[in-house]
Structure formats: C-alpha cells, structure tokens
C-alpha cells in the first residue's frame, strides 16, 4: 500500500467528517514523505471546504517529516505520533500544540482506509 492511499483516505475522512475533525485540529499541515519526496497538504483551517491535496501549501501551521513506512505505521496505529517524535522517526516544524492534536486526523483517516482482502 502506498502513501497515496493514506492521503486519499485522509481526504475522504476530511470530506465526511471535516467539521468534527476541525473541532480538534484547527490548522494546516504539510506532510513531507522523506524517502519518496512526496508532499501532501491538509487544510482544516477554514471551513466548510476542508481538503487534502498533493503538493505544498504556503505558510502551513505544521510540517510533518516522516518516511513512508512510518507514515503507514502511524495510520495503522502501530506507531503513536508522540513516540515517533521522541524516537526521532517523526520530525515536526511549526506549532507544537497542533502537532499534539494530530492523532485526531490519523484516527479519522484510519477509519477510511481500505480493508485488506484476505
């Protein structure tokens, strides 16, 4: 599974539950996937048009730098954002208080991830 699938699920979560997620995470974030050089942006600042897009938005409140494998672990719940940050697996630039609320976005995304076929 690729990070594109993760951010497609995040977009689905934001469209379905944007106002609910916005209550917990009011801001913009850029996700830089360090090993693939992919960049995705999350905008939960001004509703009702919340979005996840490929590419970088200017003046993001938060920048998250992580490898694709660890992004997958964050979404699956196998890795907690705070643990990843403390271990140096996840790098954060910007508003640290917003970074602490990233879990709300990740858990909403997890619910929209495609289920693995057995």
PDB file of N, CA and C in Angstrom:
ATOM      1  N   UNK A   1       0.847  -1.182   0.000  1.00  0.00           N
ATOM      2  CA  UNK A   1       0.000   0.000   0.000  1.00  0.00           C
ATOM      3  C   UNK A   1       0.893   1.246   0.000  1.00  0.00           C
ATOM      4  N   UNK A   2       0.492   2.247  -0.744  1.00  0.00           N
ATOM      5  CA  UNK A   2       1.319   3.440  -0.851  1.00  0.00           C
ATOM      6  C   UNK A   2       0.761   4.585  -0.008  1.00  0.00           C
ATOM      7  N   UNK A   3       1.583   5.607   0.156  1.00  0.00           N
ATOM      8  CA  UNK A   3       1.131   6.778   0.904  1.00  0.00           C
ATOM      9  C   UNK A   3       0.001   7.494   0.160  1.00  0.00           C
ATOM     10  N   UNK A   4      -0.087   7.315  -1.157  1.00  0.00           N
ATOM     11  CA  UNK A   4      -1.191   7.916  -1.905  1.00  0.00           C
ATOM     12  C   UNK A   4      -2.531   7.413  -1.369  1.00  0.00           C
ATOM     13  N   UNK A   5      -2.579   6.133  -1.022  1.00  0.00           N
ATOM     14  CA  UNK A   5      -3.795   5.532  -0.465  1.00  0.00           C
ATOM     15  C   UNK A   5      -4.121   6.167   0.891  1.00  0.00           C
ATOM     16  N   UNK A   6      -3.086   6.403   1.686  1.00  0.00           N
ATOM     17  CA  UNK A   6      -3.263   7.025   3.000  1.00  0.00           C
ATOM     18  C   UNK A   6      -3.877   8.416   2.848  1.00  0.00           C
ATOM     19  N   UNK A   7      -3.337   9.206   1.936  1.00  0.00           N
ATOM     20  CA  UNK A   7      -3.828  10.577   1.802  1.00  0.00           C
ATOM     21  C   UNK A   7      -5.172  10.645   1.082  1.00  0.00           C
ATOM     22  N   UNK A   8      -5.477   9.638   0.257  1.00  0.00           N
ATOM     23  CA  UNK A   8      -6.822   9.541  -0.336  1.00  0.00           C
ATOM     24  C   UNK A   8      -7.836   9.259   0.779  1.00  0.00           C
ATOM     25  N   UNK A   9      -7.456   8.370   1.709  1.00  0.00           N
ATOM     26  CA  UNK A   9      -8.318   8.071   2.858  1.00  0.00           C
ATOM     27  C   UNK A   9      -8.464   9.296   3.766  1.00  0.00           C
ATOM     28  N   UNK A  10      -7.373  10.060   3.917  1.00  0.00           N
ATOM     29  CA  UNK A  10      -7.430  11.280   4.727  1.00  0.00           C
ATOM     30  C   UNK A  10      -8.386  12.289   4.078  1.00  0.00           C
ATOM     31  N   UNK A  11      -8.328  12.397   2.749  1.00  0.00           N
ATOM     32  CA  UNK A  11      -9.238  13.299   2.033  1.00  0.00           C
ATOM     33  C   UNK A  11     -10.684  12.860   2.249  1.00  0.00           C
ATOM     34  N   UNK A  12     -10.921  11.560   2.172  1.00  0.00           N
ATOM     35  CA  UNK A  12     -12.265  11.016   2.392  1.00  0.00           C
ATOM     36  C   UNK A  12     -12.749  11.336   3.814  1.00  0.00           C
ATOM     37  N   UNK A  13     -11.859  11.185   4.782  1.00  0.00           N
ATOM     38  CA  UNK A  13     -12.197  11.475   6.183  1.00  0.00           C
ATOM     39  C   UNK A  13     -12.521  12.951   6.366  1.00  0.00           C
ATOM     40  N   UNK A  14     -11.722  13.807   5.746  1.00  0.00           N
ATOM     41  CA  UNK A  14     -11.909  15.255   5.861  1.00  0.00           C
ATOM     42  C   UNK A  14     -13.230  15.688   5.207  1.00  0.00           C
ATOM     43  N   UNK A  15     -13.562  15.074   4.072  1.00  0.00           N
ATOM     44  CA  UNK A  15     -14.819  15.412   3.407  1.00  0.00           C
ATOM     45  C   UNK A  15     -16.020  14.912   4.207  1.00  0.00           C
ATOM     46  N   UNK A  16     -15.902  13.714   4.772  1.00  0.00           N
ATOM     47  CA  UNK A  16     -17.023  13.130   5.520  1.00  0.00           C
ATOM     48  C   UNK A  16     -17.188  13.748   6.904  1.00  0.00           C
ATOM     49  N   UNK A  17     -16.079  13.976   7.593  1.00  0.00           N
ATOM     50  CA  UNK A  17     -16.132  14.420   8.989  1.00  0.00           C
ATOM     51  C   UNK A  17     -15.369  15.707   9.246  1.00  0.00           C
ATOM     52  N   UNK A  18     -15.202  16.541   8.224  1.00  0.00           N
ATOM     53  CA  UNK A  18     -14.420  17.765   8.347  1.00  0.00           C
ATOM     54  C   UNK A  18     -14.748  18.618   9.562  1.00  0.00           C
ATOM     55  N   UNK A  19     -16.022  18.990   9.769  1.00  0.00           N
ATOM     56  CA  UNK A  19     -16.347  19.836  10.925  1.00  0.00           C
ATOM     57  C   UNK A  19     -15.993  19.186  12.262  1.00  0.00           C
ATOM     58  N   UNK A  20     -16.184  17.891  12.351  1.00  0.00           N
ATOM     59  CA  UNK A  20     -15.869  17.148  13.589  1.00  0.00           C
ATOM     60  C   UNK A  20     -14.356  17.130  13.838  1.00  0.00           C
ATOM     61  N   UNK A  21     -13.571  16.863  12.786  1.00  0.00           N
ATOM     62  CA  UNK A  21     -12.109  16.836  12.909  1.00  0.00           C
ATOM     63  C   UNK A  21     -11.594  18.254  13.175  1.00  0.00           C
ATOM     64  N   UNK A  22     -12.220  19.239  12.525  1.00  0.00           N
ATOM     65  CA  UNK A  22     -11.828  20.644  12.680  1.00  0.00           C
ATOM     66  C   UNK A  22     -11.925  21.100  14.140  1.00  0.00           C
ATOM     67  N   UNK A  23     -12.885  20.570  14.872  1.00  0.00           N
ATOM     68  CA  UNK A  23     -13.022  20.932  16.292  1.00  0.00           C
ATOM     69  C   UNK A  23     -11.768  20.568  17.081  1.00  0.00           C
ATOM     70  N   UNK A  24     -11.079  19.510  16.645  1.00  0.00           N
ATOM     71  CA  UNK A  24      -9.879  19.035  17.350  1.00  0.00           C
ATOM     72  C   UNK A  24      -8.584  19.550  16.726  1.00  0.00           C
ATOM     73  N   UNK A  25      -8.599  19.758  15.414  1.00  0.00           N
ATOM     74  CA  UNK A  25      -7.387  20.156  14.688  1.00  0.00           C
ATOM     75  C   UNK A  25      -7.720  21.347  13.805  1.00  0.00           C
ATOM     76  N   UNK A  26      -7.465  22.552  14.288  1.00  0.00           N
ATOM     77  CA  UNK A  26      -7.783  23.769  13.530  1.00  0.00           C
ATOM     78  C   UNK A  26      -6.500  24.343  12.951  1.00  0.00           C
ATOM     79  N   UNK A  27      -6.188  23.955  11.736  1.00  0.00           N
ATOM     80  CA  UNK A  27      -4.965  24.466  11.138  1.00  0.00           C
ATOM     81  C   UNK A  27      -4.638  23.792   9.824  1.00  0.00           C
ATOM     82  N   UNK A  28      -3.422  24.079   9.354  1.00  0.00           N
ATOM     83  CA  UNK A  28      -2.931  23.480   8.115  1.00  0.00           C
ATOM     84  C   UNK A  28      -1.665  22.690   8.422  1.00  0.00           C
ATOM     85  N   UNK A  29      -1.484  21.617   7.686  1.00  0.00           N
ATOM     86  CA  UNK A  29      -0.297  20.788   7.878  1.00  0.00           C
ATOM     87  C   UNK A  29       0.231  20.333   6.527  1.00  0.00           C
ATOM     88  N   UNK A  30       1.540  20.265   6.433  1.00  0.00           N
ATOM     89  CA  UNK A  30       2.206  19.721   5.252  1.00  0.00           C
ATOM     90  C   UNK A  30       2.912  18.445   5.701  1.00  0.00           C
ATOM     91  N   UNK A  31       2.676  17.370   4.978  1.00  0.00           N
ATOM     92  CA  UNK A  31       3.331  16.087   5.255  1.00  0.00           C
ATOM     93  C   UNK A  31       4.386  15.872   4.184  1.00  0.00           C
ATOM     94  N   UNK A  32       5.646  15.843   4.586  1.00  0.00           N
ATOM     95  CA  UNK A  32       6.741  15.576   3.660  1.00  0.00           C
ATOM     96  C   UNK A  32       7.180  14.135   3.879  1.00  0.00           C
ATOM     97  N   UNK A  33       7.017  13.315   2.846  1.00  0.00           N
ATOM     98  CA  UNK A  33       7.412  11.909   2.926  1.00  0.00           C
ATOM     99  C   UNK A  33       8.865  11.851   2.461  1.00  0.00           C
ATOM    100  N   UNK A  34       9.765  11.689   3.410  1.00  0.00           N
ATOM    101  CA  UNK A  34      11.189  11.901   3.140  1.00  0.00           C
ATOM    102  C   UNK A  34      11.818  10.912   2.150  1.00  0.00           C
ATOM    103  N   UNK A  35      11.380   9.662   2.141  1.00  0.00           N
ATOM    104  CA  UNK A  35      12.026   8.689   1.258  1.00  0.00           C
ATOM    105  C   UNK A  35      11.492   8.739  -0.177  1.00  0.00           C
ATOM    106  N   UNK A  36      10.257   9.175  -0.370  1.00  0.00           N
ATOM    107  CA  UNK A  36       9.698   9.219  -1.718  1.00  0.00           C
ATOM    108  C   UNK A  36       9.628  10.643  -2.271  1.00  0.00           C
ATOM    109  N   UNK A  37       9.914  11.617  -1.406  1.00  0.00           N
ATOM    110  CA  UNK A  37       9.853  13.047  -1.757  1.00  0.00           C
ATOM    111  C   UNK A  37       8.433  13.526  -2.081  1.00  0.00           C
ATOM    112  N   UNK A  38       7.418  12.724  -1.721  1.00  0.00           N
ATOM    113  CA  UNK A  38       6.030  13.147  -1.899  1.00  0.00           C
ATOM    114  C   UNK A  38       5.687  14.189  -0.848  1.00  0.00           C
ATOM    115  N   UNK A  39       4.807  15.102  -1.212  1.00  0.00           N
ATOM    116  CA  UNK A  39       4.357  16.136  -0.279  1.00  0.00           C
ATOM    117  C   UNK A  39       2.837  16.239  -0.387  1.00  0.00           C
ATOM    118  N   UNK A  40       2.172  16.225   0.756  1.00  0.00           N
ATOM    119  CA  UNK A  40       0.720  16.348   0.816  1.00  0.00           C
ATOM    120  C   UNK A  40       0.373  17.435   1.814  1.00  0.00           C
ATOM    121  N   UNK A  41      -0.729  18.123   1.564  1.00  0.00           N
ATOM    122  CA  UNK A  41      -1.154  19.202   2.447  1.00  0.00           C
ATOM    123  C   UNK A  41      -2.562  18.949   2.960  1.00  0.00           C
ATOM    124  N   UNK A  42      -2.757  19.269   4.216  1.00  0.00           N
ATOM    125  CA  UNK A  42      -4.044  19.142   4.890  1.00  0.00           C
ATOM    126  C   UNK A  42      -4.484  20.541   5.289  1.00  0.00           C
ATOM    127  N   UNK A  43      -5.689  20.910   4.911  1.00  0.00           N
ATOM    128  CA  UNK A  43      -6.214  22.223   5.283  1.00  0.00           C
ATOM    129  C   UNK A  43      -7.513  22.050   6.061  1.00  0.00           C
ATOM    130  N   UNK A  44      -7.414  22.236   7.367  1.00  0.00           N
ATOM    131  CA  UNK A  44      -8.578  22.190   8.244  1.00  0.00           C
ATOM    132  C   UNK A  44      -8.740  23.534   8.954  1.00  0.00           C
ATOM    133  N   UNK A  45      -8.244  24.569   8.311  1.00  0.00           N
ATOM    134  CA  UNK A  45      -8.264  25.889   8.949  1.00  0.00           C
ATOM    135  C   UNK A  45      -9.600  26.592   8.749  1.00  0.00           C
ATOM    136  N   UNK A  46      -9.997  26.733   7.516  1.00  0.00           N
ATOM    137  CA  UNK A  46     -11.205  27.490   7.203  1.00  0.00           C
ATOM    138  C   UNK A  46     -12.227  26.619   6.487  1.00  0.00           C
ATOM    139  N   UNK A  47     -13.326  26.361   7.136  1.00  0.00           N
ATOM    140  CA  UNK A  47     -14.369  25.541   6.521  1.00  0.00           C
ATOM    141  C   UNK A  47     -15.271  26.380   5.654  1.00  0.00           C
ATOM    142  N   UNK A  48     -16.210  25.808   4.992  1.00  0.00           N
ATOM    143  CA  UNK A  48     -16.509  24.378   5.048  1.00  0.00           C
ATOM    144  C   UNK A  48     -15.704  23.550   4.050  1.00  0.00           C
ATOM    145  N   UNK A  49     -14.825  24.179   3.279  1.00  0.00           N
ATOM    146  CA  UNK A  49     -14.041  23.460   2.268  1.00  0.00           C
ATOM    147  C   UNK A  49     -12.727  22.942   2.842  1.00  0.00           C
ATOM    148  N   UNK A  50     -12.780  21.873   3.610  1.00  0.00           N
ATOM    149  CA  UNK A  50     -11.565  21.256   4.146  1.00  0.00           C
ATOM    150  C   UNK A  50     -10.993  20.350   3.067  1.00  0.00           C
ATOM    151  N   UNK A  51      -9.651  20.219   3.020  1.00  0.00           N
ATOM    152  CA  UNK A  51      -9.082  19.436   1.923  1.00  0.00           C
ATOM    153  C   UNK A  51      -7.744  18.798   2.261  1.00  0.00           C
ATOM    154  N   UNK A  52      -7.425  17.788   1.465  1.00  0.00           N
ATOM    155  CA  UNK A  52      -6.105  17.154   1.447  1.00  0.00           C
ATOM    156  C   UNK A  52      -5.685  17.163  -0.016  1.00  0.00           C
ATOM    157  N   UNK A  53      -4.523  17.748  -0.295  1.00  0.00           N
ATOM    158  CA  UNK A  53      -4.068  17.853  -1.679  1.00  0.00           C
ATOM    159  C   UNK A  53      -2.613  17.420  -1.788  1.00  0.00           C
ATOM    160  N   UNK A  54      -2.239  17.036  -2.993  1.00  0.00           N
ATOM    161  CA  UNK A  54      -0.839  16.708  -3.254  1.00  0.00           C
ATOM    162  C   UNK A  54      -0.130  18.028  -3.510  1.00  0.00           C
ATOM    163  N   UNK A  55       1.043  18.182  -2.943  1.00  0.00           N
ATOM    164  CA  UNK A  55       1.778  19.430  -3.090  1.00  0.00           C
ATOM    165  C   UNK A  55       1.755  20.206  -1.784  1.00  0.00           C
ATOM    166  N   UNK A  56       2.548  21.254  -1.758  1.00  0.00           N
ATOM    167  CA  UNK A  56       2.736  22.021  -0.521  1.00  0.00           C
ATOM    168  C   UNK A  56       1.925  23.306  -0.528  1.00  0.00           C
ATOM    169  N   UNK A  57       1.322  23.623   0.613  1.00  0.00           N
ATOM    170  CA  UNK A  57       0.651  24.913   0.749  1.00  0.00           C
ATOM    171  C   UNK A  57       1.598  25.856   1.488  1.00  0.00           C
ATOM    172  N   UNK A  58       1.497  27.119   1.188  1.00  0.00           N
ATOM    173  CA  UNK A  58       2.388  28.103   1.809  1.00  0.00           C
ATOM    174  C   UNK A  58       1.975  28.396   3.243  1.00  0.00           C
ATOM    175  N   UNK A  59       2.964  28.697   4.043  1.00  0.00           N
ATOM    176  CA  UNK A  59       2.758  29.119   5.433  1.00  0.00           C
ATOM    177  C   UNK A  59       1.925  28.132   6.254  1.00  0.00           C
ATOM    178  N   UNK A  60       2.208  26.852   6.100  1.00  0.00           N
ATOM    179  CA  UNK A  60       1.484  25.843   6.872  1.00  0.00           C
ATOM    180  C   UNK A  60       1.782  26.030   8.361  1.00  0.00           C
ATOM    181  N   UNK A  61       0.784  25.741   9.190  1.00  0.00           N
ATOM    182  CA  UNK A  61       0.947  25.852  10.637  1.00  0.00           C
ATOM    183  C   UNK A  61       1.902  24.776  11.167  1.00  0.00           C
ATOM    184  N   UNK A  62       1.940  23.653  10.443  1.00  0.00           N
ATOM    185  CA  UNK A  62       2.689  22.498  10.913  1.00  0.00           C
ATOM    186  C   UNK A  62       3.296  21.770   9.716  1.00  0.00           C
ATOM    187  N   UNK A  63       4.542  21.341   9.851  1.00  0.00           N
ATOM    188  CA  UNK A  63       5.178  20.498   8.839  1.00  0.00           C
ATOM    189  C   UNK A  63       5.594  19.207   9.524  1.00  0.00           C
ATOM    190  N   UNK A  64       5.168  18.090   8.941  1.00  0.00           N
ATOM    191  CA  UNK A  64       5.475  16.767   9.469  1.00  0.00           C
ATOM    192  C   UNK A  64       6.385  16.079   8.455  1.00  0.00           C
ATOM    193  N   UNK A  65       7.553  15.628   8.906  1.00  0.00           N
ATOM    194  CA  UNK A  65       8.503  14.951   8.022  1.00  0.00           C
ATOM    195  C   UNK A  65       8.649  13.513   8.522  1.00  0.00           C
ATOM    196  N   UNK A  66       8.342  12.563   7.636  1.00  0.00           N
ATOM    197  CA  UNK A  66       8.333  11.149   8.029  1.00  0.00           C
ATOM    198  C   UNK A  66       8.566  10.279   6.792  1.00  0.00           C
ATOM    199  N   UNK A  67       9.126   9.092   6.987  1.00  0.00           N
ATOM    200  CA  UNK A  67       9.295   8.136   5.883  1.00  0.00           C
ATOM    201  C   UNK A  67       7.961   7.441   5.616  1.00  0.00           C
ATOM    202  N   UNK A  68       7.777   6.949   4.404  1.00  0.00           N
ATOM    203  CA  UNK A  68       6.507   6.327   4.014  1.00  0.00           C
ATOM    204  C   UNK A  68       6.145   5.138   4.915  1.00  0.00           C
ATOM    205  N   UNK A  69       7.114   4.298   5.233  1.00  0.00           N
ATOM    206  CA  UNK A  69       6.851   3.124   6.077  1.00  0.00           C
ATOM    207  C   UNK A  69       6.307   3.554   7.452  1.00  0.00           C
ATOM    208  N   UNK A  70       6.895   4.602   8.017  1.00  0.00           N
ATOM    209  CA  UNK A  70       6.450   5.068   9.319  1.00  0.00           C
ATOM    210  C   UNK A  70       5.119   5.799   9.242  1.00  0.00           C
ATOM    211  N   UNK A  71       4.828   6.430   8.111  1.00  0.00           N
ATOM    212  CA  UNK A  71       3.505   7.048   7.921  1.00  0.00           C
ATOM    213  C   UNK A  71       2.438   5.968   7.951  1.00  0.00           C
ATOM    214  N   UNK A  72       2.731   4.837   7.312  1.00  0.00           N
ATOM    215  CA  UNK A  72       1.795   3.706   7.307  1.00  0.00           C
ATOM    216  C   UNK A  72       1.583   3.188   8.739  1.00  0.00           C
ATOM    217  N   UNK A  73       2.654   3.127   9.519  1.00  0.00           N
ATOM    218  CA  UNK A  73       2.555   2.671  10.907  1.00  0.00           C
ATOM    219  C   UNK A  73       1.756   3.659  11.758  1.00  0.00           C
ATOM    220  N   UNK A  74       1.904   4.951  11.482  1.00  0.00           N
ATOM    221  CA  UNK A  74       1.124   5.964  12.208  1.00  0.00           C
ATOM    222  C   UNK A  74      -0.368   5.784  11.917  1.00  0.00           C
ATOM    223  N   UNK A  75      -0.700   5.541  10.661  1.00  0.00           N
ATOM    224  CA  UNK A  75      -2.103   5.372  10.276  1.00  0.00           C
ATOM    225  C   UNK A  75      -2.680   4.083  10.852  1.00  0.00           C
ATOM    226  N   UNK A  76      -1.904   3.019  10.844  1.00  0.00           N
ATOM    227  CA  UNK A  76      -2.409   1.738  11.354  1.00  0.00           C
ATOM    228  C   UNK A  76      -2.556   1.747  12.871  1.00  0.00           C
ATOM    229  N   UNK A  77      -1.907   2.695  13.524  1.00  0.00           N
ATOM    230  CA  UNK A  77      -1.960   2.743  14.984  1.00  0.00           C
ATOM    231  C   UNK A  77      -0.814   1.985  15.633  1.00  0.00           C
ATOM    232  N   UNK A  78       0.014   1.362  14.794  1.00  0.00           N
ATOM    233  CA  UNK A  78       1.167   0.603  15.272  1.00  0.00           C
ATOM    234  C   UNK A  78       2.203   1.531  15.926  1.00  0.00           C
ATOM    235  N   UNK A  79       2.212   2.790  15.479  1.00  0.00           N
ATOM    236  CA  UNK A  79       3.162   3.784  15.980  1.00  0.00           C
ATOM    237  C   UNK A  79       2.372   5.028  16.391  1.00  0.00           C
ATOM    238  N   UNK A  80       2.603   5.500  17.590  1.00  0.00           N
ATOM    239  CA  UNK A  80       1.936   6.711  18.095  1.00  0.00           C
ATOM    240  C   UNK A  80       2.774   7.936  17.726  1.00  0.00           C
ATOM    241  N   UNK A  81       2.127   9.053  17.342  1.00  0.00           N
ATOM    242  CA  UNK A  81       2.881  10.242  16.930  1.00  0.00           C
ATOM    243  C   UNK A  81       3.882  10.723  17.991  1.00  0.00           C
ATOM    244  N   UNK A  82       3.480  10.703  19.256  1.00  0.00           N
ATOM    245  CA  UNK A  82       4.379  11.174  20.313  1.00  0.00           C
ATOM    246  C   UNK A  82       5.607  10.275  20.443  1.00  0.00           C
ATOM    247  N   UNK A  83       5.397   8.957  20.337  1.00  0.00           N
ATOM    248  CA  UNK A  83       6.519   8.009  20.399  1.00  0.00           C
ATOM    249  C   UNK A  83       7.457   8.233  19.217  1.00  0.00           C
ATOM    250  N   UNK A  84       6.880   8.394  18.035  1.00  0.00           N
ATOM    251  CA  UNK A  84       7.675   8.591  16.819  1.00  0.00           C
ATOM    252  C   UNK A  84       8.512   9.862  16.926  1.00  0.00           C
ATOM    253  N   UNK A  85       7.925  10.916  17.491  1.00  0.00           N
ATOM    254  CA  UNK A  85       8.643  12.181  17.653  1.00  0.00           C
ATOM    255  C   UNK A  85       9.800  12.008  18.632  1.00  0.00           C
ATOM    256  N   UNK A  86       9.535  11.355  19.755  1.00  0.00           N
ATOM    257  CA  UNK A  86      10.571  11.161  20.777  1.00  0.00           C
ATOM    258  C   UNK A  86      11.729  10.303  20.257  1.00  0.00           C
ATOM    259  N   UNK A  87      11.423   9.354  19.370  1.00  0.00           N
ATOM    260  CA  UNK A  87      12.446   8.471  18.802  1.00  0.00           C
ATOM    261  C   UNK A  87      13.171   9.113  17.615  1.00  0.00           C
ATOM    262  N   UNK A  88      12.694  10.276  17.181  1.00  0.00           N
ATOM    263  CA  UNK A  88      13.314  10.947  16.032  1.00  0.00           C
ATOM    264  C   UNK A  88      12.857  10.405  14.686  1.00  0.00           C
ATOM    265  N   UNK A  89      11.829   9.556  14.693  1.00  0.00           N
ATOM    266  CA  UNK A  89      11.287   8.963  13.464  1.00  0.00           C
ATOM    267  C   UNK A  89      10.413   9.978  12.735  1.00  0.00           C
ATOM    268  N   UNK A  90       9.815  10.867  13.512  1.00  0.00           N
ATOM    269  CA  UNK A  90       8.906  11.884  13.010  1.00  0.00           C
ATOM    270  C   UNK A  90       9.473  13.240  13.381  1.00  0.00           C
ATOM    271  N   UNK A  91       9.612  14.099  12.394  1.00  0.00           N
ATOM    272  CA  UNK A  91      10.127  15.445  12.670  1.00  0.00           C
ATOM    273  C   UNK A  91       8.988  16.434  12.488  1.00  0.00           C
ATOM    274  N   UNK A  92       8.942  17.409  13.369  1.00  0.00           N
ATOM    275  CA  UNK A  92       7.872  18.408  13.379  1.00  0.00           C
ATOM    276  C   UNK A  92       8.478  19.798  13.302  1.00  0.00           C
ATOM    277  N   UNK A  93       7.897  20.641  12.467  1.00  0.00           N
ATOM    278  CA  UNK A  93       8.259  22.057  12.424  1.00  0.00           C
ATOM    279  C   UNK A  93       6.956  22.828  12.547  1.00  0.00           C
ATOM    280  N   UNK A  94       6.978  23.892  13.332  1.00  0.00           N
ATOM    281  CA  UNK A  94       5.779  24.711  13.454  1.00  0.00           C
ATOM    282  C   UNK A  94       5.140  24.603  14.820  1.00  0.00           C
ATOM    283  N   UNK A  95       3.828  24.717  14.843  1.00  0.00           N
ATOM    284  CA  UNK A  95       3.062  24.781  16.086  1.00  0.00           C
ATOM    285  C   UNK A  95       2.992  23.423  16.782  1.00  0.00           C
ATOM    286  N   UNK A  96       3.742  23.306  17.860  1.00  0.00           N
ATOM    287  CA  UNK A  96       3.800  22.033  18.580  1.00  0.00           C
ATOM    288  C   UNK A  96       2.441  21.671  19.192  1.00  0.00           C
ATOM    289  N   UNK A  97       1.679  22.665  19.624  1.00  0.00           N
ATOM    290  CA  UNK A  97       0.370  22.361  20.210  1.00  0.00           C
ATOM    291  C   UNK A  97      -0.560  21.729  19.176  1.00  0.00           C
ATOM    292  N   UNK A  98      -0.410  22.088  17.912  1.00  0.00           N
ATOM    293  CA  UNK A  98      -1.196  21.488  16.844  1.00  0.00           C
ATOM    294  C   UNK A  98      -0.718  20.056  16.573  1.00  0.00           C
ATOM    295  N   UNK A  99       0.581  19.859  16.675  1.00  0.00           N
ATOM    296  CA  UNK A  99       1.148  18.518  16.472  1.00  0.00           C
ATOM    297  C   UNK A  99       0.579  17.525  17.485  1.00  0.00           C
ATOM    298  N   UNK A 100       0.314  17.997  18.694  1.00  0.00           N
ATOM    299  CA  UNK A 100      -0.226  17.126  19.731  1.00  0.00           C
ATOM    300  C   UNK A 100      -1.648  16.658  19.386  1.00  0.00           C
ATOM    301  N   UNK A 101      -2.303  17.366  18.494  1.00  0.00           N
ATOM    302  CA  UNK A 101      -3.682  17.036  18.110  1.00  0.00           C
ATOM    303  C   UNK A 101      -3.753  16.233  16.810  1.00  0.00           C
ATOM    304  N   UNK A 102      -2.611  15.866  16.287  1.00  0.00           N
ATOM    305  CA  UNK A 102      -2.533  15.126  15.033  1.00  0.00           C
ATOM    306  C   UNK A 102      -3.233  13.769  15.113  1.00  0.00           C
ATOM    307  N   UNK A 103      -3.304  13.206  16.291  1.00  0.00           N
ATOM    308  CA  UNK A 103      -3.936  11.904  16.498  1.00  0.00           C
ATOM    309  C   UNK A 103      -5.381  11.900  16.003  1.00  0.00           C
ATOM    310  N   UNK A 104      -6.096  13.016  16.154  1.00  0.00           N
ATOM    311  CA  UNK A 104      -7.490  13.099  15.701  1.00  0.00           C
ATOM    312  C   UNK A 104      -7.583  12.892  14.187  1.00  0.00           C
ATOM    313  N   UNK A 105      -6.653  13.477  13.454  1.00  0.00           N
ATOM    314  CA  UNK A 105      -6.634  13.339  11.995  1.00  0.00           C
ATOM    315  C   UNK A 105      -6.258  11.906  11.618  1.00  0.00           C
ATOM    316  N   UNK A 106      -5.258  11.353  12.291  1.00  0.00           N
ATOM    317  CA  UNK A 106      -4.800   9.997  11.980  1.00  0.00           C
ATOM    318  C   UNK A 106      -5.884   8.958  12.258  1.00  0.00           C
ATOM    319  N   UNK A 107      -6.595   9.089  13.370  1.00  0.00           N
ATOM    320  CA  UNK A 107      -7.628   8.097  13.686  1.00  0.00           C
ATOM    321  C   UNK A 107      -8.810   8.203  12.724  1.00  0.00           C
ATOM    322  N   UNK A 108      -9.165   9.415  12.297  1.00  0.00           N
ATOM    323  CA  UNK A 108     -10.234   9.581  11.306  1.00  0.00           C
ATOM    324  C   UNK A 108      -9.816   8.962   9.970  1.00  0.00           C
ATOM    325  N   UNK A 109      -8.541   9.118   9.619  1.00  0.00           N
ATOM    326  CA  UNK A 109      -8.009   8.538   8.379  1.00  0.00           C
ATOM    327  C   UNK A 109      -8.029   7.016   8.455  1.00  0.00           C
ATOM    328  N   UNK A 110      -7.635   6.486   9.603  1.00  0.00           N
ATOM    329  CA  UNK A 110      -7.601   5.029   9.805  1.00  0.00           C
ATOM    330  C   UNK A 110      -8.965   4.403   9.502  1.00  0.00           C
ATOM    331  N   UNK A 111     -10.029   5.071   9.886  1.00  0.00           N
ATOM    332  CA  UNK A 111     -11.393   4.550   9.666  1.00  0.00           C
ATOM    333  C   UNK A 111     -11.771   4.505   8.197  1.00  0.00           C
ATOM    334  N   UNK A 112     -11.109   5.314   7.370  1.00  0.00           N
ATOM    335  CA  UNK A 112     -11.424   5.381   5.945  1.00  0.00           C
ATOM    336  C   UNK A 112     -10.453   4.570   5.073  1.00  0.00           C
ATOM    337  N   UNK A 113      -9.477   3.941   5.703  1.00  0.00           N
ATOM    338  CA  UNK A 113      -8.509   3.139   4.936  1.00  0.00           C
ATOM    339  C   UNK A 113      -9.189   1.913   4.349  1.00  0.00           C
ATOM    340  N   UNK A 114      -8.809   1.526   3.121  1.00  0.00           N
ATOM    341  CA  UNK A 114      -9.381   0.314   2.543  1.00  0.00           C
ATOM    342  C   UNK A 114      -8.984  -0.905   3.372  1.00  0.00           C
ATOM    343  N   UNK A 115      -9.921  -1.793   3.527  1.00  0.00           N
ATOM    344  CA  UNK A 115      -9.657  -3.016   4.309  1.00  0.00           C
ATOM    345  C   UNK A 115      -8.873  -3.998   3.439  1.00  0.00           C
ATOM    346  N   UNK A 116      -7.904  -4.662   4.060  1.00  0.00           N
ATOM    347  CA  UNK A 116      -7.084  -5.647   3.335  1.00  0.00           C
ATOM    348  C   UNK A 116      -7.951  -6.855   2.973  1.00  0.00           C
ATOM    349  N   UNK A 117      -7.768  -7.335   1.765  1.00  0.00           N
ATOM    350  CA  UNK A 117      -8.529  -8.514   1.319  1.00  0.00           C
ATOM    351  C   UNK A 117      -7.759  -9.764   1.688  1.00  0.00           C
ATOM    352  N   UNK A 118      -8.466 -10.702   2.228  1.00  0.00           N
ATOM    353  CA  UNK A 118      -7.832 -11.964   2.660  1.00  0.00           C
ATOM    354  C   UNK A 118      -7.850 -12.974   1.539  1.00  0.00           C
TER     355      UNK A 118
END
